N, C-alpha and C. Protein backbone atom coordinates (compact mmCIF):
# COMPACT_ATOMS: atom_id res chain seq x y z
N MET A 1 61.48 237.33 178.67
CA MET A 1 61.56 236.05 179.18
C MET A 1 60.31 235.11 179.39
N ASN A 2 59.57 235.97 180.02
CA ASN A 2 58.17 235.23 180.38
C ASN A 2 57.70 234.77 179.08
N LYS A 3 57.78 235.84 178.07
CA LYS A 3 57.09 235.41 176.77
C LYS A 3 57.85 234.11 176.09
N LEU A 4 58.87 234.00 176.25
CA LEU A 4 59.36 232.86 175.57
C LEU A 4 59.34 231.65 176.24
N LEU A 5 59.07 231.73 177.63
CA LEU A 5 58.64 230.47 178.67
C LEU A 5 57.25 230.08 177.94
N ALA A 6 56.53 230.98 177.94
CA ALA A 6 54.99 230.67 177.52
C ALA A 6 54.99 230.40 176.21
N THR A 7 55.97 230.69 175.40
CA THR A 7 55.69 229.83 173.79
C THR A 7 56.57 228.59 174.09
N LEU A 8 57.54 228.38 174.71
CA LEU A 8 58.10 226.99 174.73
C LEU A 8 57.20 225.88 175.43
N ILE A 9 56.30 226.28 176.44
CA ILE A 9 55.35 225.54 177.26
C ILE A 9 53.92 225.37 176.24
N GLY A 10 53.74 226.33 175.26
CA GLY A 10 52.78 226.17 174.61
C GLY A 10 53.03 225.22 173.42
N GLY A 11 54.30 225.09 172.97
CA GLY A 11 54.81 224.22 171.85
C GLY A 11 54.91 222.80 172.45
N LEU A 12 55.54 222.82 173.61
CA LEU A 12 55.25 221.48 174.31
C LEU A 12 53.99 220.77 174.46
N LEU A 13 53.21 221.61 174.91
CA LEU A 13 51.60 220.95 174.81
C LEU A 13 50.86 220.64 173.68
N ALA A 14 51.36 221.39 172.65
CA ALA A 14 50.92 221.18 171.25
C ALA A 14 51.65 219.91 170.72
N ALA A 15 52.97 219.53 171.12
CA ALA A 15 53.72 218.38 170.77
C ALA A 15 53.00 217.34 171.51
N SER A 16 52.51 217.27 172.64
CA SER A 16 52.10 216.20 173.22
C SER A 16 50.87 215.87 172.93
N ALA A 17 49.83 216.99 172.74
CA ALA A 17 48.50 216.92 172.16
C ALA A 17 48.70 216.03 170.72
N TYR A 18 49.66 216.26 169.94
CA TYR A 18 49.77 215.69 168.55
C TYR A 18 50.34 214.16 168.54
N ALA A 19 51.29 214.08 169.54
CA ALA A 19 51.76 212.67 170.01
C ALA A 19 50.61 211.82 170.30
N GLN A 20 49.84 212.23 171.26
CA GLN A 20 48.74 211.58 171.64
C GLN A 20 47.74 211.10 170.38
N THR A 21 47.23 212.06 169.73
CA THR A 21 46.41 211.78 168.59
C THR A 21 47.14 210.97 167.61
N GLY A 22 48.29 210.94 167.19
CA GLY A 22 49.18 210.03 166.37
C GLY A 22 49.05 208.73 166.84
N THR A 23 49.11 208.53 168.18
CA THR A 23 49.24 207.30 168.90
C THR A 23 47.65 206.62 168.86
N GLN A 24 46.77 207.38 169.37
CA GLN A 24 45.49 206.57 169.12
C GLN A 24 45.12 206.46 167.50
N ALA A 25 45.46 207.24 166.63
CA ALA A 25 45.21 206.89 164.93
C ALA A 25 45.83 205.88 164.68
N THR A 26 47.15 205.36 165.07
CA THR A 26 47.78 204.17 164.66
C THR A 26 47.77 203.01 165.32
N GLN A 27 46.92 203.01 166.53
CA GLN A 27 46.72 201.83 167.29
C GLN A 27 45.73 200.89 166.46
N PRO A 28 46.18 199.70 166.44
CA PRO A 28 45.12 198.48 165.70
C PRO A 28 44.15 198.36 166.49
N THR A 29 42.73 198.20 165.72
CA THR A 29 41.74 197.79 166.14
C THR A 29 41.58 196.33 166.89
N ARG A 30 40.95 196.20 168.06
CA ARG A 30 40.99 194.97 168.66
C ARG A 30 39.72 194.12 168.16
N THR A 31 39.80 192.87 167.72
CA THR A 31 38.82 192.37 167.08
C THR A 31 38.08 191.30 168.16
N THR A 32 39.03 191.07 169.16
CA THR A 32 38.54 190.05 170.41
C THR A 32 38.00 190.98 171.29
N PRO A 33 36.65 190.54 171.68
CA PRO A 33 36.20 191.38 172.64
C PRO A 33 36.72 191.21 174.06
N PRO A 34 36.65 192.06 175.02
CA PRO A 34 37.19 192.18 176.33
C PRO A 34 36.51 191.23 177.14
N LEU A 35 37.16 190.48 178.16
CA LEU A 35 36.49 189.14 178.99
C LEU A 35 35.12 189.53 179.32
N ASN A 36 35.19 191.09 179.88
CA ASN A 36 33.77 191.30 180.58
C ASN A 36 32.81 191.76 179.23
N SER A 37 33.07 191.43 178.16
CA SER A 37 32.18 191.88 176.95
C SER A 37 30.87 190.89 176.98
N THR A 38 29.85 191.46 176.80
CA THR A 38 28.69 190.55 176.66
C THR A 38 28.63 190.00 175.03
N THR A 39 29.18 190.26 174.37
CA THR A 39 29.47 189.57 172.84
C THR A 39 30.18 188.53 172.86
N PRO A 40 29.51 187.17 172.54
CA PRO A 40 30.30 186.01 172.54
C PRO A 40 31.59 185.90 171.71
N ALA A 41 32.67 185.27 172.01
CA ALA A 41 33.86 185.48 171.33
C ALA A 41 33.68 184.39 170.07
N THR A 42 34.34 184.66 169.02
CA THR A 42 34.30 183.86 167.92
C THR A 42 35.28 182.63 168.27
N GLN A 43 34.84 181.28 168.09
CA GLN A 43 35.44 180.26 168.23
C GLN A 43 36.15 180.03 167.11
N SER A 44 37.60 179.55 167.49
CA SER A 44 38.45 179.14 166.50
C SER A 44 38.30 177.81 165.71
N THR A 45 38.30 178.13 164.27
CA THR A 45 38.23 176.96 163.48
C THR A 45 39.36 176.11 163.17
N THR A 46 40.33 176.18 163.82
CA THR A 46 41.79 175.65 163.66
C THR A 46 41.36 174.13 164.02
N VAL A 47 41.79 173.24 163.54
CA VAL A 47 41.61 171.83 163.85
C VAL A 47 42.82 171.17 163.91
N ASP A 48 43.01 170.36 165.08
CA ASP A 48 44.30 169.55 165.23
C ASP A 48 44.48 168.64 164.39
N PRO A 49 45.49 168.35 163.48
CA PRO A 49 45.54 167.46 162.43
C PRO A 49 45.53 165.86 163.15
N ALA A 50 46.02 165.76 164.28
CA ALA A 50 45.86 164.54 164.88
C ALA A 50 44.55 164.25 165.26
N THR A 51 43.96 165.26 166.06
CA THR A 51 42.48 164.97 166.33
C THR A 51 41.65 164.71 165.19
N ASN A 52 41.92 165.53 164.04
CA ASN A 52 41.04 165.53 162.85
C ASN A 52 41.14 164.08 162.22
N SER A 53 42.36 163.62 162.15
CA SER A 53 42.58 162.30 161.55
C SER A 53 41.91 161.26 162.39
N GLY A 54 41.81 161.37 163.77
CA GLY A 54 41.13 160.29 164.72
C GLY A 54 39.77 160.30 164.41
N ALA A 55 39.10 161.63 164.08
CA ALA A 55 37.76 161.71 163.66
C ALA A 55 37.58 160.99 162.60
N VAL A 56 38.16 161.35 161.54
CA VAL A 56 38.16 160.78 160.24
C VAL A 56 38.12 159.17 160.11
N ASN A 57 39.03 158.90 160.88
CA ASN A 57 38.94 157.27 161.05
C ASN A 57 38.05 156.43 161.52
N GLN A 58 37.54 157.49 162.76
CA GLN A 58 36.27 156.93 163.54
C GLN A 58 35.27 157.02 162.48
N ASN A 59 34.95 157.83 161.59
CA ASN A 59 33.87 158.12 160.83
C ASN A 59 34.03 156.96 159.82
N SER A 60 35.09 157.05 159.25
CA SER A 60 35.34 155.84 158.18
C SER A 60 35.22 154.44 158.83
N ALA A 61 35.34 154.34 159.97
CA ALA A 61 35.19 152.78 160.66
C ALA A 61 33.71 152.65 160.60
N MET A 62 33.12 153.87 161.16
CA MET A 62 31.49 153.73 161.46
C MET A 62 31.01 153.57 160.06
N GLY A 63 31.42 154.21 159.07
CA GLY A 63 30.86 154.07 157.67
C GLY A 63 30.96 152.38 157.07
N ALA A 64 32.26 152.04 157.55
CA ALA A 64 32.44 150.71 157.08
C ALA A 64 31.72 149.72 157.72
N ALA A 65 31.49 149.95 159.19
CA ALA A 65 30.59 149.06 159.75
C ALA A 65 29.13 149.18 159.35
N GLY A 66 28.74 150.32 158.89
CA GLY A 66 27.37 150.34 158.39
C GLY A 66 27.29 149.75 157.14
N SER A 67 28.36 149.93 156.18
CA SER A 67 28.35 149.35 154.86
C SER A 67 28.34 147.75 155.09
N THR A 68 29.36 147.31 155.97
CA THR A 68 29.41 145.87 156.21
C THR A 68 28.13 145.25 156.79
N ALA A 69 27.24 145.94 157.56
CA ALA A 69 25.94 145.68 158.06
C ALA A 69 24.95 145.62 157.06
N GLY A 70 24.93 146.60 156.13
CA GLY A 70 23.99 146.74 155.05
C GLY A 70 24.24 145.51 153.92
N THR A 71 25.74 145.16 153.86
CA THR A 71 25.80 144.14 152.82
C THR A 71 25.34 142.79 153.45
N THR A 72 25.81 142.67 154.82
CA THR A 72 25.19 141.53 155.33
C THR A 72 23.81 141.25 155.71
N SER A 73 23.01 142.29 155.72
CA SER A 73 21.61 142.46 155.61
C SER A 73 21.21 142.32 154.04
N ALA A 74 21.81 142.79 153.18
CA ALA A 74 21.56 142.17 151.92
C ALA A 74 21.79 140.97 151.44
N THR A 75 23.12 140.46 152.03
CA THR A 75 23.27 139.02 151.54
C THR A 75 22.20 138.02 152.24
N SER A 76 21.87 138.26 153.56
CA SER A 76 20.84 137.66 154.14
C SER A 76 19.50 137.63 153.58
N SER A 77 19.07 138.71 152.98
CA SER A 77 17.96 138.92 152.36
C SER A 77 17.90 138.05 150.98
N SER A 78 19.04 138.43 150.50
CA SER A 78 19.25 137.45 149.19
C SER A 78 19.20 136.19 149.26
N THR A 79 19.63 135.62 150.42
CA THR A 79 19.72 134.22 150.52
C THR A 79 18.37 133.66 151.08
N THR A 80 17.72 134.34 152.08
CA THR A 80 16.33 134.29 152.27
C THR A 80 15.47 134.06 151.14
N THR A 81 15.73 135.04 150.26
CA THR A 81 14.71 135.00 148.90
C THR A 81 15.16 134.02 148.06
N THR A 82 16.45 133.55 147.93
CA THR A 82 16.91 132.52 147.11
C THR A 82 16.41 131.19 147.78
N THR A 83 16.42 130.84 148.86
CA THR A 83 16.09 129.64 149.70
C THR A 83 14.46 129.57 149.47
N THR A 84 13.89 130.77 149.54
CA THR A 84 12.24 130.86 149.42
C THR A 84 11.94 130.41 147.95
N THR A 85 12.62 130.99 146.99
CA THR A 85 12.42 130.68 145.42
C THR A 85 12.81 129.18 145.09
N THR A 86 13.92 128.84 145.71
CA THR A 86 14.13 127.43 145.51
C THR A 86 13.14 126.32 145.99
N SER A 87 12.63 126.58 147.23
CA SER A 87 11.63 125.83 147.93
C SER A 87 10.40 125.71 146.99
N HIS A 88 10.10 126.96 146.60
CA HIS A 88 8.92 127.09 145.52
C HIS A 88 9.04 126.40 144.23
N ASP A 89 10.11 126.24 143.70
CA ASP A 89 10.73 125.49 142.47
C ASP A 89 10.62 124.04 142.85
N MET A 90 11.21 123.85 143.86
CA MET A 90 11.14 122.40 144.05
C MET A 90 9.65 121.88 144.53
N ALA A 91 8.85 122.63 145.30
CA ALA A 91 7.46 122.26 145.25
C ALA A 91 6.73 121.97 144.07
N LYS A 92 7.18 122.99 143.44
CA LYS A 92 6.35 123.04 141.98
C LYS A 92 6.80 121.80 140.99
N ALA A 93 8.04 121.78 141.07
CA ALA A 93 8.72 120.36 140.14
C ALA A 93 8.29 119.14 140.88
N GLN A 94 8.03 118.93 142.28
CA GLN A 94 7.52 117.61 142.76
C GLN A 94 6.07 117.53 142.42
N SER A 95 5.34 118.71 142.49
CA SER A 95 3.74 118.62 141.77
C SER A 95 3.83 118.30 140.54
N ASP A 96 4.62 118.87 139.76
CA ASP A 96 4.38 118.49 138.44
C ASP A 96 4.81 117.02 137.93
N ALA A 97 5.90 116.71 138.90
CA ALA A 97 6.44 115.20 138.65
C ALA A 97 5.10 114.21 139.07
N ASP A 98 4.54 114.53 140.26
CA ASP A 98 3.57 113.59 140.78
C ASP A 98 2.22 113.73 139.95
N LYS A 99 1.96 114.62 139.30
CA LYS A 99 0.83 114.74 138.37
C LYS A 99 1.19 114.02 136.97
N ASP A 100 2.48 114.05 136.51
CA ASP A 100 2.86 113.29 135.33
C ASP A 100 2.81 111.77 135.72
N VAL A 101 3.30 111.51 136.83
CA VAL A 101 3.22 109.89 137.25
C VAL A 101 1.81 109.51 137.33
N ALA A 102 0.88 110.34 137.97
CA ALA A 102 -0.33 109.80 138.29
C ALA A 102 -0.98 109.88 137.05
N LYS A 103 -0.75 110.55 135.89
CA LYS A 103 -1.40 110.61 134.61
C LYS A 103 -0.91 109.35 133.73
N ALA A 104 0.19 108.92 133.86
CA ALA A 104 0.82 107.76 133.24
C ALA A 104 0.20 106.67 134.06
N GLU A 105 0.04 106.57 135.31
CA GLU A 105 -0.46 105.20 135.98
C GLU A 105 -2.05 105.20 135.73
N GLU A 106 -2.75 106.36 135.45
CA GLU A 106 -4.01 106.41 135.11
C GLU A 106 -4.31 105.62 133.75
N LYS A 107 -3.40 106.30 132.84
CA LYS A 107 -3.54 105.59 131.33
C LYS A 107 -3.00 104.00 131.52
N GLU A 108 -2.05 103.62 132.36
CA GLU A 108 -1.79 102.34 132.36
C GLU A 108 -2.95 101.44 133.11
N VAL A 109 -3.83 101.90 134.08
CA VAL A 109 -5.07 101.38 134.40
C VAL A 109 -6.00 101.19 133.43
N LYS A 110 -6.32 102.28 132.58
CA LYS A 110 -7.20 102.19 131.48
C LYS A 110 -6.84 101.17 130.24
N ALA A 111 -5.31 101.20 130.01
CA ALA A 111 -4.79 100.01 129.23
C ALA A 111 -4.87 98.80 129.66
N ASP A 112 -4.88 98.51 130.91
CA ASP A 112 -5.00 97.01 131.59
C ASP A 112 -6.51 96.95 131.39
N ALA A 113 -7.44 97.69 131.84
CA ALA A 113 -8.72 97.35 131.67
C ALA A 113 -9.28 97.20 130.25
N LYS A 114 -8.82 97.92 129.35
CA LYS A 114 -9.12 97.66 127.94
C LYS A 114 -8.46 96.41 127.45
N ALA A 115 -7.22 95.94 127.88
CA ALA A 115 -6.91 94.52 127.47
C ALA A 115 -7.57 93.49 128.19
N ASP A 116 -8.02 93.65 129.38
CA ASP A 116 -8.62 92.66 130.08
C ASP A 116 -10.18 92.41 129.32
N LYS A 117 -10.65 93.55 128.92
CA LYS A 117 -11.94 93.65 128.25
C LYS A 117 -11.91 92.77 127.03
N LYS A 118 -10.79 93.04 126.18
CA LYS A 118 -10.52 92.44 125.01
C LYS A 118 -10.27 90.92 125.16
N LEU A 119 -9.66 90.73 126.10
CA LEU A 119 -9.42 89.14 126.42
C LEU A 119 -10.44 88.35 127.07
N ASN A 120 -11.32 89.00 127.66
CA ASN A 120 -12.29 88.32 128.12
C ASN A 120 -13.65 88.13 126.88
N LYS A 121 -13.48 89.10 126.18
CA LYS A 121 -14.33 88.84 124.92
C LYS A 121 -13.90 87.80 124.16
N ALA A 122 -12.38 87.80 123.88
CA ALA A 122 -12.01 86.61 122.92
C ALA A 122 -12.33 85.31 123.58
N ALA A 123 -11.87 85.25 125.01
CA ALA A 123 -12.18 84.15 125.76
C ALA A 123 -13.58 83.42 125.56
N ALA A 124 -14.58 84.46 125.98
CA ALA A 124 -15.70 84.16 125.68
C ALA A 124 -16.16 83.59 124.18
N LYS A 125 -15.61 84.38 123.25
CA LYS A 125 -15.81 83.95 121.82
C LYS A 125 -15.39 82.55 121.51
N ALA A 126 -14.15 82.27 122.14
CA ALA A 126 -13.32 80.95 122.07
C ALA A 126 -14.16 79.80 122.71
N GLU A 127 -14.63 80.15 123.84
CA GLU A 127 -15.49 79.01 124.46
C GLU A 127 -16.80 78.80 123.87
N LYS A 128 -17.25 79.78 123.28
CA LYS A 128 -18.77 79.71 122.34
C LYS A 128 -18.33 78.76 121.21
N LYS A 129 -17.36 79.02 120.60
CA LYS A 129 -17.03 78.10 119.41
C LYS A 129 -16.77 76.80 119.82
N LYS A 130 -16.13 76.59 120.97
CA LYS A 130 -15.69 75.15 121.32
C LYS A 130 -16.79 74.34 121.75
N ALA A 131 -17.76 75.17 122.48
CA ALA A 131 -18.91 74.60 123.00
C ALA A 131 -19.97 74.34 121.58
N LYS A 132 -19.96 75.11 120.72
CA LYS A 132 -20.77 74.69 119.65
C LYS A 132 -20.14 73.56 118.67
N ALA A 133 -18.80 73.39 118.69
CA ALA A 133 -18.15 72.28 117.87
C ALA A 133 -18.55 71.23 118.66
N GLN A 134 -18.53 71.00 120.06
CA GLN A 134 -18.70 69.79 120.81
C GLN A 134 -20.19 69.30 120.64
N GLU A 135 -20.89 70.35 120.69
CA GLU A 135 -22.41 70.17 120.42
C GLU A 135 -22.74 69.40 119.02
N LYS A 136 -22.04 69.98 117.95
CA LYS A 136 -22.10 69.41 116.50
C LYS A 136 -21.61 67.91 116.52
N ALA A 137 -20.53 67.72 117.01
CA ALA A 137 -19.72 66.47 117.19
C ALA A 137 -20.69 65.47 117.89
N ALA A 138 -21.40 65.99 119.09
CA ALA A 138 -22.23 65.15 120.00
C ALA A 138 -23.58 64.82 118.89
N ARG A 139 -24.06 65.63 118.40
CA ARG A 139 -25.16 65.40 117.33
C ARG A 139 -24.86 64.47 116.45
N LYS A 140 -23.74 64.48 115.75
CA LYS A 140 -23.26 63.71 114.82
C LYS A 140 -23.08 62.27 115.55
N GLN A 141 -22.62 62.32 116.76
CA GLN A 141 -22.31 60.82 117.52
C GLN A 141 -23.65 60.17 117.53
N ALA A 142 -24.49 61.09 118.07
CA ALA A 142 -26.06 60.63 118.56
C ALA A 142 -26.62 60.11 117.20
N ASP A 143 -26.47 60.74 116.03
CA ASP A 143 -27.24 60.38 114.69
C ASP A 143 -26.57 58.95 114.29
N ALA A 144 -25.07 58.85 114.62
CA ALA A 144 -24.52 57.67 114.04
C ALA A 144 -24.89 56.46 115.04
N THR A 145 -25.00 56.73 116.24
CA THR A 145 -25.42 55.52 117.13
C THR A 145 -26.85 55.06 116.80
N GLU A 146 -27.57 56.15 116.54
CA GLU A 146 -28.99 55.85 116.21
C GLU A 146 -29.20 55.01 115.07
N LYS A 147 -28.34 55.30 113.90
CA LYS A 147 -28.54 54.63 112.58
C LYS A 147 -27.96 53.05 113.04
N VAL A 148 -27.01 52.91 113.85
CA VAL A 148 -26.37 51.58 114.20
C VAL A 148 -27.69 50.77 114.89
N THR A 149 -28.43 51.29 115.74
CA THR A 149 -29.36 50.82 116.40
C THR A 149 -30.62 50.55 115.63
N LYS A 150 -30.73 51.31 114.58
CA LYS A 150 -31.93 50.92 113.50
C LYS A 150 -31.67 50.05 112.49
N ALA A 151 -30.45 49.75 112.28
CA ALA A 151 -29.74 48.77 111.28
C ALA A 151 -30.40 47.65 111.58
N ASP A 152 -30.65 46.66 110.29
CA ASP A 152 -30.70 45.39 110.60
C ASP A 152 -29.63 44.48 111.09
N PRO A 153 -29.81 43.44 111.79
CA PRO A 153 -28.75 42.45 112.25
C PRO A 153 -27.60 42.47 111.21
N GLU A 154 -28.17 42.07 109.90
CA GLU A 154 -27.07 41.68 108.93
C GLU A 154 -26.37 42.75 108.64
N ASP A 155 -26.86 44.25 108.64
CA ASP A 155 -26.47 45.48 108.57
C ASP A 155 -25.60 46.22 109.65
N ARG A 156 -25.94 45.49 110.74
CA ARG A 156 -25.31 46.26 111.94
C ARG A 156 -23.76 46.46 111.91
N ALA A 157 -22.97 45.48 111.63
CA ALA A 157 -21.78 45.69 111.38
C ALA A 157 -21.13 46.95 110.56
N LYS A 158 -21.89 46.93 109.39
CA LYS A 158 -21.40 47.93 108.42
C LYS A 158 -21.93 49.26 109.03
N ALA A 159 -23.15 49.26 109.71
CA ALA A 159 -23.80 50.43 110.29
C ALA A 159 -22.54 50.81 111.54
N GLU A 160 -22.11 49.89 112.13
CA GLU A 160 -21.27 50.38 113.17
C GLU A 160 -20.03 51.12 112.49
N ALA A 161 -19.41 50.46 111.66
CA ALA A 161 -18.34 50.99 110.83
C ALA A 161 -18.60 52.37 110.25
N LYS A 162 -19.57 52.70 109.80
CA LYS A 162 -20.08 53.85 109.41
C LYS A 162 -20.17 54.92 110.15
N ALA A 163 -20.79 54.59 111.50
CA ALA A 163 -21.07 55.48 112.69
C ALA A 163 -19.74 55.67 113.33
N GLU A 164 -18.93 54.82 113.39
CA GLU A 164 -17.53 55.18 114.06
C GLU A 164 -16.75 56.24 113.07
N LYS A 165 -16.83 56.08 111.89
CA LYS A 165 -16.07 57.03 110.91
C LYS A 165 -16.70 58.61 111.10
N LYS A 166 -18.06 58.33 111.21
CA LYS A 166 -18.89 59.64 111.25
C LYS A 166 -18.28 60.31 112.69
N ILE A 167 -18.39 59.65 113.68
CA ILE A 167 -18.26 60.11 114.91
C ILE A 167 -16.66 60.77 115.08
N ALA A 168 -15.60 59.70 114.41
CA ALA A 168 -14.45 60.39 114.10
C ALA A 168 -14.19 61.69 113.59
N ASP A 169 -14.98 61.58 112.65
CA ASP A 169 -14.89 62.95 111.80
C ASP A 169 -15.23 64.24 112.47
N ALA A 170 -16.74 64.06 113.03
CA ALA A 170 -17.19 64.97 113.99
C ALA A 170 -16.11 65.47 115.04
N ASN A 171 -15.58 64.40 115.67
CA ASN A 171 -14.60 64.77 116.82
C ASN A 171 -13.56 65.50 116.34
N TYR A 172 -13.02 65.15 115.01
CA TYR A 172 -11.96 65.77 114.41
C TYR A 172 -12.19 67.07 114.15
N ASP A 173 -13.47 67.35 113.37
CA ASP A 173 -13.90 68.82 113.19
C ASP A 173 -14.02 69.46 114.26
N ALA A 174 -14.52 69.02 115.40
CA ALA A 174 -14.59 69.68 116.76
C ALA A 174 -13.27 70.02 117.29
N GLN A 175 -12.48 69.07 117.18
CA GLN A 175 -11.02 69.55 117.65
C GLN A 175 -10.50 70.53 117.06
N LYS A 176 -10.66 70.77 115.60
CA LYS A 176 -10.18 71.52 114.69
C LYS A 176 -10.63 73.05 115.08
N LYS A 177 -11.88 72.95 115.30
CA LYS A 177 -12.63 74.31 115.50
C LYS A 177 -11.97 74.91 116.95
N MET A 178 -12.16 73.75 117.85
CA MET A 178 -11.54 74.25 119.35
C MET A 178 -10.08 74.71 119.32
N ILE A 179 -9.20 73.93 118.69
CA ILE A 179 -7.76 74.45 118.39
C ILE A 179 -7.69 75.71 117.71
N LYS A 180 -8.48 75.90 116.97
CA LYS A 180 -8.47 77.37 116.32
C LYS A 180 -9.02 78.48 117.14
N ALA A 181 -10.03 78.26 117.94
CA ALA A 181 -10.44 79.09 118.91
C ALA A 181 -9.49 79.51 119.76
N ASP A 182 -9.00 78.36 120.30
CA ASP A 182 -7.55 78.57 121.27
C ASP A 182 -6.53 79.32 120.84
N GLU A 183 -6.36 79.08 119.41
CA GLU A 183 -5.10 80.03 118.89
C GLU A 183 -5.59 81.46 119.04
N LYS A 184 -6.62 81.85 118.51
CA LYS A 184 -7.35 83.05 118.45
C LYS A 184 -7.37 83.61 119.76
N LEU A 185 -7.51 82.80 120.74
CA LEU A 185 -7.40 83.36 122.14
C LEU A 185 -6.22 83.75 122.55
N ASN A 186 -5.28 82.75 122.38
CA ASN A 186 -3.90 82.95 122.65
C ASN A 186 -3.23 84.07 121.97
N LYS A 187 -3.72 84.38 120.76
CA LYS A 187 -3.24 85.61 120.03
C LYS A 187 -3.67 86.75 120.84
N VAL A 188 -4.56 86.74 121.23
CA VAL A 188 -5.36 87.99 121.90
C VAL A 188 -4.68 88.11 123.15
N LYS A 189 -4.56 86.90 123.80
CA LYS A 189 -3.56 87.00 125.00
C LYS A 189 -2.32 87.76 125.09
N ALA A 190 -1.72 87.18 123.92
CA ALA A 190 -0.32 87.76 123.68
C ALA A 190 -0.51 89.29 123.29
N GLU A 191 -1.59 89.77 122.62
CA GLU A 191 -1.66 91.16 122.34
C GLU A 191 -1.99 92.17 123.64
N THR A 192 -2.81 91.44 124.52
CA THR A 192 -3.09 92.26 125.65
C THR A 192 -2.09 92.13 126.45
N SER A 193 -1.20 91.20 126.78
CA SER A 193 -0.20 91.35 127.52
C SER A 193 0.79 92.21 127.02
N ALA A 194 1.19 92.37 125.75
CA ALA A 194 2.02 93.32 125.06
C ALA A 194 1.42 94.66 125.37
N ASP A 195 0.05 94.91 125.32
CA ASP A 195 -0.49 96.22 125.64
C ASP A 195 -0.23 96.71 126.91
N LYS A 196 -0.50 95.73 128.03
CA LYS A 196 -0.43 95.96 129.59
C LYS A 196 1.26 96.20 129.71
N ALA A 197 2.05 95.46 128.81
CA ALA A 197 3.54 95.70 129.10
C ALA A 197 3.97 97.17 128.57
N LYS A 198 3.46 97.53 127.60
CA LYS A 198 3.91 98.82 126.95
C LYS A 198 3.23 100.03 127.85
N ALA A 199 2.09 99.71 128.37
CA ALA A 199 1.36 100.95 129.32
C ALA A 199 2.46 100.88 130.66
N HIS A 200 2.65 99.93 130.94
CA HIS A 200 3.59 99.65 132.06
C HIS A 200 5.15 100.27 131.95
N ALA A 201 5.55 100.10 130.83
CA ALA A 201 6.69 100.52 130.40
C ALA A 201 6.78 102.35 130.30
N LYS A 202 5.55 102.64 129.76
CA LYS A 202 5.40 104.11 129.59
C LYS A 202 5.21 104.80 131.07
N THR A 203 4.50 104.05 131.93
CA THR A 203 4.45 104.77 133.46
C THR A 203 5.80 104.75 133.94
N GLU A 204 6.71 103.65 133.61
CA GLU A 204 8.00 103.60 134.47
C GLU A 204 8.88 104.79 133.76
N GLU A 205 8.83 105.03 132.43
CA GLU A 205 9.34 106.04 131.70
C GLU A 205 8.86 107.32 132.26
N LYS A 206 7.84 107.66 132.70
CA LYS A 206 7.35 108.81 133.03
C LYS A 206 7.79 109.10 134.53
N ARG A 207 7.95 107.96 135.24
CA ARG A 207 8.38 108.11 136.59
C ARG A 207 9.96 108.27 136.70
N GLY A 208 10.79 107.79 135.67
CA GLY A 208 11.86 108.34 135.74
C GLY A 208 12.09 109.55 135.16
N GLU A 209 11.36 109.91 134.05
CA GLU A 209 11.54 111.51 133.82
C GLU A 209 11.30 112.31 134.85
N ALA A 210 10.21 112.08 135.56
CA ALA A 210 9.88 112.94 136.79
C ALA A 210 11.08 112.96 137.76
N ALA A 211 11.59 111.98 138.06
CA ALA A 211 12.59 111.65 139.10
C ALA A 211 14.09 112.55 138.35
N ALA A 212 14.12 112.52 137.23
CA ALA A 212 15.08 113.36 136.39
C ALA A 212 14.88 114.80 136.47
N ASP A 213 13.70 115.09 136.52
CA ASP A 213 13.38 116.57 136.71
C ASP A 213 13.71 117.27 138.07
N LEU A 214 13.17 116.19 138.89
CA LEU A 214 13.34 116.57 140.48
C LEU A 214 14.72 116.85 140.65
N HIS A 215 15.87 116.03 140.32
CA HIS A 215 17.07 116.12 140.52
C HIS A 215 17.56 117.55 139.66
N LYS A 216 17.05 117.60 138.67
CA LYS A 216 17.59 118.97 137.87
C LYS A 216 17.03 120.11 138.46
N SER A 217 16.14 120.26 139.11
CA SER A 217 15.39 121.12 139.88
C SER A 217 16.41 121.45 141.05
N ALA A 218 16.66 120.25 141.83
CA ALA A 218 17.34 120.44 143.14
C ALA A 218 18.89 120.82 142.97
N ALA A 219 19.51 120.37 141.58
CA ALA A 219 20.83 121.03 141.17
C ALA A 219 20.86 122.40 140.97
N LYS A 220 19.76 123.10 140.62
CA LYS A 220 19.77 124.70 140.24
C LYS A 220 20.08 125.35 141.32
């Protein structure tokens, strides 16, 4: 009897020990450290979709704002560069126009001076020829008058008639030479006036071209 009880008690103890061992073997391993553990707990990487969407929208808005600011800055820089370039082009066009007009005006001044010189020379030549013709006529007149004075009384009438003819011829020759001199002078006057008009027209042409170039540059 005692032996039987001892056997049962031994079996129960063995079963109890086996049960405890099986329980410990099948118990799952705990990955989360206890509250009093010194090892920091691993943070969860799960993100709330609503929260994540808000963050994404905020980042998108910040990106868009940065992009807009960059575009605005680039546009402003481009506008400044364009304005500077346009101002430089306009200044260059104005300078070129002024140079062209000044060059045309200088040519006009030279052309006027050349025309005046030519006219003055022609006028001096005409005056010289006219003076020479008058001197010749005066000499002939003096010679005819002298012959009348020296003529005998009975020949004086004849001498006077002859002298008058000589004086008339001398005056006529002088008048022809003076008229011819004036004609040449008037021709030179017409030529020099035409030269001045051409030079002035050329200046006005350059001035008009310069203004057109300026308007073209301003329209770019």
